[in-house]
Amino acid sequence: MLGYYRGLRRREQSYFAYRGYMLIITFLGTGLRRTEIINLKWSDVDLGNLTMSVYGKNRK
């Protein structure tokens, strides 16, 4: 799946190709669930320290 999205990103160079690739990378790199990624906000992401605050079930 990762190879497919990597090739798609190189061929099409569109927003959707990059979005799909970054979602797969985030899923694999962090182990987050789909709903946890959907509920992320910019305030949860700290680019300076390269961290994300993730709230799972019941905002724990």
PDB file of N, CA and C in Angstrom:
ATOM      1  N   MET A   1       0.822  -1.181   0.000  1.00  0.00           N
ATOM      2  CA  MET A   1       0.000   0.000   0.000  1.00  0.00           C
ATOM      3  C   MET A   1       0.874   1.256   0.000  1.00  0.00           C
ATOM      4  N   LEU A   2       1.930   1.214   0.782  1.00  0.00           N
ATOM      5  CA  LEU A   2       2.825   2.366   0.839  1.00  0.00           C
ATOM      6  C   LEU A   2       3.499   2.598  -0.511  1.00  0.00           C
ATOM      7  N   GLY A   3       3.895   1.518  -1.181  1.00  0.00           N
ATOM      8  CA  GLY A   3       4.508   1.635  -2.504  1.00  0.00           C
ATOM      9  C   GLY A   3       3.553   2.225  -3.530  1.00  0.00           C
ATOM     10  N   TYR A   4       2.292   1.830  -3.441  1.00  0.00           N
ATOM     11  CA  TYR A   4       1.285   2.365  -4.363  1.00  0.00           C
ATOM     12  C   TYR A   4       1.133   3.873  -4.186  1.00  0.00           C
ATOM     13  N   TYR A   5       0.981   4.322  -2.950  1.00  0.00           N
ATOM     14  CA  TYR A   5       0.802   5.751  -2.699  1.00  0.00           C
ATOM     15  C   TYR A   5       2.059   6.549  -3.010  1.00  0.00           C
ATOM     16  N   ARG A   6       3.224   5.947  -2.805  1.00  0.00           N
ATOM     17  CA  ARG A   6       4.469   6.627  -3.143  1.00  0.00           C
ATOM     18  C   ARG A   6       4.546   6.848  -4.656  1.00  0.00           C
ATOM     19  N   GLY A   7       4.189   5.817  -5.426  1.00  0.00           N
ATOM     20  CA  GLY A   7       4.188   5.948  -6.886  1.00  0.00           C
ATOM     21  C   GLY A   7       3.133   6.923  -7.378  1.00  0.00           C
ATOM     22  N   LEU A   8       1.963   6.902  -6.762  1.00  0.00           N
ATOM     23  CA  LEU A   8       0.891   7.816  -7.126  1.00  0.00           C
ATOM     24  C   LEU A   8       1.302   9.258  -6.859  1.00  0.00           C
ATOM     25  N   ARG A   9       1.968   9.484  -5.758  1.00  0.00           N
ATOM     26  CA  ARG A   9       2.427  10.831  -5.405  1.00  0.00           C
ATOM     27  C   ARG A   9       3.420  11.337  -6.441  1.00  0.00           C
ATOM     28  N   ARG A  10       4.299  10.468  -6.900  1.00  0.00           N
ATOM     29  CA  ARG A  10       5.302  10.873  -7.900  1.00  0.00           C
ATOM     30  C   ARG A  10       4.665  11.132  -9.261  1.00  0.00           C
ATOM     31  N   ARG A  11       3.673  10.303  -9.634  1.00  0.00           N
ATOM     32  CA  ARG A  11       3.049  10.446 -10.946  1.00  0.00           C
ATOM     33  C   ARG A  11       2.139  11.661 -11.030  1.00  0.00           C
ATOM     34  N   GLU A  12       1.257  11.785 -10.072  1.00  0.00           N
ATOM     35  CA  GLU A  12       0.207  12.797 -10.195  1.00  0.00           C
ATOM     36  C   GLU A  12       0.589  14.148  -9.608  1.00  0.00           C
ATOM     37  N   GLN A  13       1.321  14.167  -8.530  1.00  0.00           N
ATOM     38  CA  GLN A  13       1.718  15.394  -7.844  1.00  0.00           C
ATOM     39  C   GLN A  13       0.513  16.286  -7.567  1.00  0.00           C
ATOM     40  N   SER A  14      -0.579  15.664  -7.118  1.00  0.00           N
ATOM     41  CA  SER A  14      -1.776  16.414  -6.767  1.00  0.00           C
ATOM     42  C   SER A  14      -1.957  16.419  -5.257  1.00  0.00           C
ATOM     43  N   TYR A  15      -2.848  17.268  -4.801  1.00  0.00           N
ATOM     44  CA  TYR A  15      -3.139  17.366  -3.373  1.00  0.00           C
ATOM     45  C   TYR A  15      -3.592  16.018  -2.814  1.00  0.00           C
ATOM     46  N   PHE A  16      -4.470  15.313  -3.524  1.00  0.00           N
ATOM     47  CA  PHE A  16      -5.029  14.058  -3.034  1.00  0.00           C
ATOM     48  C   PHE A  16      -3.983  12.957  -2.964  1.00  0.00           C
ATOM     49  N   ALA A  17      -3.044  12.964  -3.883  1.00  0.00           N
ATOM     50  CA  ALA A  17      -1.974  11.975  -3.852  1.00  0.00           C
ATOM     51  C   ALA A  17      -1.070  12.196  -2.640  1.00  0.00           C
ATOM     52  N   TYR A  18      -0.727  13.446  -2.361  1.00  0.00           N
ATOM     53  CA  TYR A  18       0.095  13.756  -1.189  1.00  0.00           C
ATOM     54  C   TYR A  18      -0.665  13.495   0.107  1.00  0.00           C
ATOM     55  N   ARG A  19      -1.957  13.823   0.136  1.00  0.00           N
ATOM     56  CA  ARG A  19      -2.762  13.594   1.328  1.00  0.00           C
ATOM     57  C   ARG A  19      -2.842  12.115   1.660  1.00  0.00           C
ATOM     58  N   GLY A  20      -3.100  11.285   0.666  1.00  0.00           N
ATOM     59  CA  GLY A  20      -3.162   9.843   0.892  1.00  0.00           C
ATOM     60  C   GLY A  20      -1.840   9.288   1.389  1.00  0.00           C
ATOM     61  N   TYR A  21      -0.761   9.740   0.806  1.00  0.00           N
ATOM     62  CA  TYR A  21       0.566   9.284   1.221  1.00  0.00           C
ATOM     63  C   TYR A  21       0.854   9.685   2.668  1.00  0.00           C
ATOM     64  N   MET A  22       0.549  10.932   3.020  1.00  0.00           N
ATOM     65  CA  MET A  22       0.818  11.398   4.380  1.00  0.00           C
ATOM     66  C   MET A  22      -0.068  10.700   5.407  1.00  0.00           C
ATOM     67  N   LEU A  23      -1.293  10.369   5.046  1.00  0.00           N
ATOM     68  CA  LEU A  23      -2.156   9.622   5.967  1.00  0.00           C
ATOM     69  C   LEU A  23      -1.586   8.236   6.238  1.00  0.00           C
ATOM     70  N   ILE A  24      -1.133   7.549   5.201  1.00  0.00           N
ATOM     71  CA  ILE A  24      -0.554   6.219   5.373  1.00  0.00           C
ATOM     72  C   ILE A  24       0.708   6.301   6.225  1.00  0.00           C
ATOM     73  N   ILE A  25       1.564   7.284   5.972  1.00  0.00           N
ATOM     74  CA  ILE A  25       2.785   7.454   6.761  1.00  0.00           C
ATOM     75  C   ILE A  25       2.444   7.727   8.223  1.00  0.00           C
ATOM     76  N   THR A  26       1.441   8.564   8.457  1.00  0.00           N
ATOM     77  CA  THR A  26       1.041   8.882   9.830  1.00  0.00           C
ATOM     78  C   THR A  26       0.467   7.660  10.526  1.00  0.00           C
ATOM     79  N   PHE A  27      -0.376   6.898   9.831  1.00  0.00           N
ATOM     80  CA  PHE A  27      -0.921   5.665  10.413  1.00  0.00           C
ATOM     81  C   PHE A  27       0.198   4.711  10.808  1.00  0.00           C
ATOM     82  N   LEU A  28       1.117   4.479   9.902  1.00  0.00           N
ATOM     83  CA  LEU A  28       2.185   3.511  10.155  1.00  0.00           C
ATOM     84  C   LEU A  28       3.194   4.008  11.182  1.00  0.00           C
ATOM     85  N   GLY A  29       3.502   5.286  11.164  1.00  0.00           N
ATOM     86  CA  GLY A  29       4.517   5.825  12.058  1.00  0.00           C
ATOM     87  C   GLY A  29       4.059   6.045  13.481  1.00  0.00           C
ATOM     88  N   THR A  30       2.752   6.267  13.669  1.00  0.00           N
ATOM     89  CA  THR A  30       2.270   6.597  15.003  1.00  0.00           C
ATOM     90  C   THR A  30       1.378   5.534  15.614  1.00  0.00           C
ATOM     91  N   GLY A  31       0.749   4.718  14.803  1.00  0.00           N
ATOM     92  CA  GLY A  31      -0.177   3.721  15.323  1.00  0.00           C
ATOM     93  C   GLY A  31      -1.520   4.305  15.721  1.00  0.00           C
ATOM     94  N   LEU A  32      -1.830   5.498  15.219  1.00  0.00           N
ATOM     95  CA  LEU A  32      -3.104   6.134  15.551  1.00  0.00           C
ATOM     96  C   LEU A  32      -4.251   5.446  14.843  1.00  0.00           C
ATOM     97  N   ARG A  33      -5.417   5.560  15.435  1.00  0.00           N
ATOM     98  CA  ARG A  33      -6.634   5.076  14.794  1.00  0.00           C
ATOM     99  C   ARG A  33      -7.167   6.164  13.862  1.00  0.00           C
ATOM    100  N   ARG A  34      -8.062   5.753  12.980  1.00  0.00           N
ATOM    101  CA  ARG A  34      -8.617   6.681  11.996  1.00  0.00           C
ATOM    102  C   ARG A  34      -9.326   7.844  12.676  1.00  0.00           C
ATOM    103  N   THR A  35     -10.149   7.578  13.681  1.00  0.00           N
ATOM    104  CA  THR A  35     -10.878   8.651  14.355  1.00  0.00           C
ATOM    105  C   THR A  35      -9.945   9.590  15.112  1.00  0.00           C
ATOM    106  N   GLU A  36      -8.828   9.078  15.610  1.00  0.00           N
ATOM    107  CA  GLU A  36      -7.860   9.932  16.301  1.00  0.00           C
ATOM    108  C   GLU A  36      -7.205  10.908  15.337  1.00  0.00           C
ATOM    109  N   ILE A  37      -6.918  10.453  14.131  1.00  0.00           N
ATOM    110  CA  ILE A  37      -6.338  11.350  13.121  1.00  0.00           C
ATOM    111  C   ILE A  37      -7.367  12.369  12.660  1.00  0.00           C
ATOM    112  N   ILE A  38      -8.617  11.934  12.494  1.00  0.00           N
ATOM    113  CA  ILE A  38      -9.678  12.845  12.060  1.00  0.00           C
ATOM    114  C   ILE A  38      -9.888  13.955  13.082  1.00  0.00           C
ATOM    115  N   ASN A  39      -9.767  13.631  14.372  1.00  0.00           N
ATOM    116  CA  ASN A  39     -10.018  14.607  15.429  1.00  0.00           C
ATOM    117  C   ASN A  39      -8.820  15.494  15.757  1.00  0.00           C
ATOM    118  N   LEU A  40      -7.694  15.324  15.068  1.00  0.00           N
ATOM    119  CA  LEU A  40      -6.537  16.181  15.315  1.00  0.00           C
ATOM    120  C   LEU A  40      -6.822  17.621  14.897  1.00  0.00           C
ATOM    121  N   LYS A  41      -6.315  18.552  15.670  1.00  0.00           N
ATOM    122  CA  LYS A  41      -6.420  19.978  15.351  1.00  0.00           C
ATOM    123  C   LYS A  41      -5.009  20.536  15.285  1.00  0.00           C
ATOM    124  N   TRP A  42      -4.849  21.695  14.664  1.00  0.00           N
ATOM    125  CA  TRP A  42      -3.525  22.308  14.572  1.00  0.00           C
ATOM    126  C   TRP A  42      -2.972  22.622  15.952  1.00  0.00           C
ATOM    127  N   SER A  43      -3.837  22.878  16.907  1.00  0.00           N
ATOM    128  CA  SER A  43      -3.366  23.165  18.261  1.00  0.00           C
ATOM    129  C   SER A  43      -2.784  21.927  18.940  1.00  0.00           C
ATOM    130  N   ASP A  44      -3.098  20.729  18.420  1.00  0.00           N
ATOM    131  CA  ASP A  44      -2.555  19.484  18.965  1.00  0.00           C
ATOM    132  C   ASP A  44      -1.164  19.162  18.420  1.00  0.00           C
ATOM    133  N   VAL A  45      -0.753  19.857  17.370  1.00  0.00           N
ATOM    134  CA  VAL A  45       0.526  19.577  16.711  1.00  0.00           C
ATOM    135  C   VAL A  45       1.541  20.650  17.088  1.00  0.00           C
ATOM    136  N   ASP A  46       2.690  20.210  17.581  1.00  0.00           N
ATOM    137  CA  ASP A  46       3.778  21.117  17.947  1.00  0.00           C
ATOM    138  C   ASP A  46       4.940  20.854  16.996  1.00  0.00           C
ATOM    139  N   LEU A  47       5.063  21.670  15.964  1.00  0.00           N
ATOM    140  CA  LEU A  47       6.115  21.463  14.965  1.00  0.00           C
ATOM    141  C   LEU A  47       7.493  21.809  15.509  1.00  0.00           C
ATOM    142  N   GLY A  48       7.563  22.684  16.492  1.00  0.00           N
ATOM    143  CA  GLY A  48       8.848  23.049  17.089  1.00  0.00           C
ATOM    144  C   GLY A  48       9.499  21.878  17.811  1.00  0.00           C
ATOM    145  N   ASN A  49       8.691  21.126  18.551  1.00  0.00           N
ATOM    146  CA  ASN A  49       9.202  19.969  19.298  1.00  0.00           C
ATOM    147  C   ASN A  49       8.937  18.645  18.596  1.00  0.00           C
ATOM    148  N   LEU A  50       8.286  18.704  17.419  1.00  0.00           N
ATOM    149  CA  LEU A  50       7.949  17.513  16.637  1.00  0.00           C
ATOM    150  C   LEU A  50       7.113  16.528  17.451  1.00  0.00           C
ATOM    151  N   THR A  51       6.055  17.035  18.093  1.00  0.00           N
ATOM    152  CA  THR A  51       5.167  16.188  18.881  1.00  0.00           C
ATOM    153  C   THR A  51       3.715  16.449  18.504  1.00  0.00           C
ATOM    154  N   MET A  52       2.866  15.460  18.812  1.00  0.00           N
ATOM    155  CA  MET A  52       1.426  15.592  18.650  1.00  0.00           C
ATOM    156  C   MET A  52       0.764  15.156  19.946  1.00  0.00           C
ATOM    157  N   SER A  53      -0.239  15.891  20.359  1.00  0.00           N
ATOM    158  CA  SER A  53      -1.049  15.484  21.500  1.00  0.00           C
ATOM    159  C   SER A  53      -2.276  14.784  20.958  1.00  0.00           C
ATOM    160  N   VAL A  54      -2.408  13.510  21.268  1.00  0.00           N
ATOM    161  CA  VAL A  54      -3.499  12.707  20.730  1.00  0.00           C
ATOM    162  C   VAL A  54      -4.400  12.287  21.868  1.00  0.00           C
ATOM    163  N   TYR A  55      -5.685  12.513  21.668  1.00  0.00           N
ATOM    164  CA  TYR A  55      -6.674  12.112  22.659  1.00  0.00           C
ATOM    165  C   TYR A  55      -7.503  10.988  22.064  1.00  0.00           C
ATOM    166  N   GLY A  56      -7.448   9.823  22.676  1.00  0.00           N
ATOM    167  CA  GLY A  56      -8.197   8.665  22.208  1.00  0.00           C
ATOM    168  C   GLY A  56      -9.571   8.635  22.783  1.00  0.00           C
ATOM    169  N   LYS A  57      -9.980   7.478  23.208  1.00  0.00           N
ATOM    170  CA  LYS A  57     -11.314   7.314  23.775  1.00  0.00           C
ATOM    171  C   LYS A  57     -11.442   8.138  25.045  1.00  0.00           C
ATOM    172  N   ASN A  58     -12.560   8.817  25.182  1.00  0.00           N
ATOM    173  CA  ASN A  58     -12.875   9.642  26.349  1.00  0.00           C
ATOM    174  C   ASN A  58     -11.842  10.735  26.599  1.00  0.00           C
ATOM    175  N   ARG A  59     -11.167  11.204  25.567  1.00  0.00           N
ATOM    176  CA  ARG A  59     -10.153  12.271  25.663  1.00  0.00           C
ATOM    177  C   ARG A  59      -9.064  11.968  26.674  1.00  0.00           C
ATOM    178  N   LYS A  60      -8.631  10.710  26.740  1.00  0.00           N
ATOM    179  CA  LYS A  60      -7.555  10.307  27.654  1.00  0.00           C
ATOM    180  C   LYS A  60      -6.213  10.469  26.988  1.00  0.00           C
TER     181      LYS A  60
END
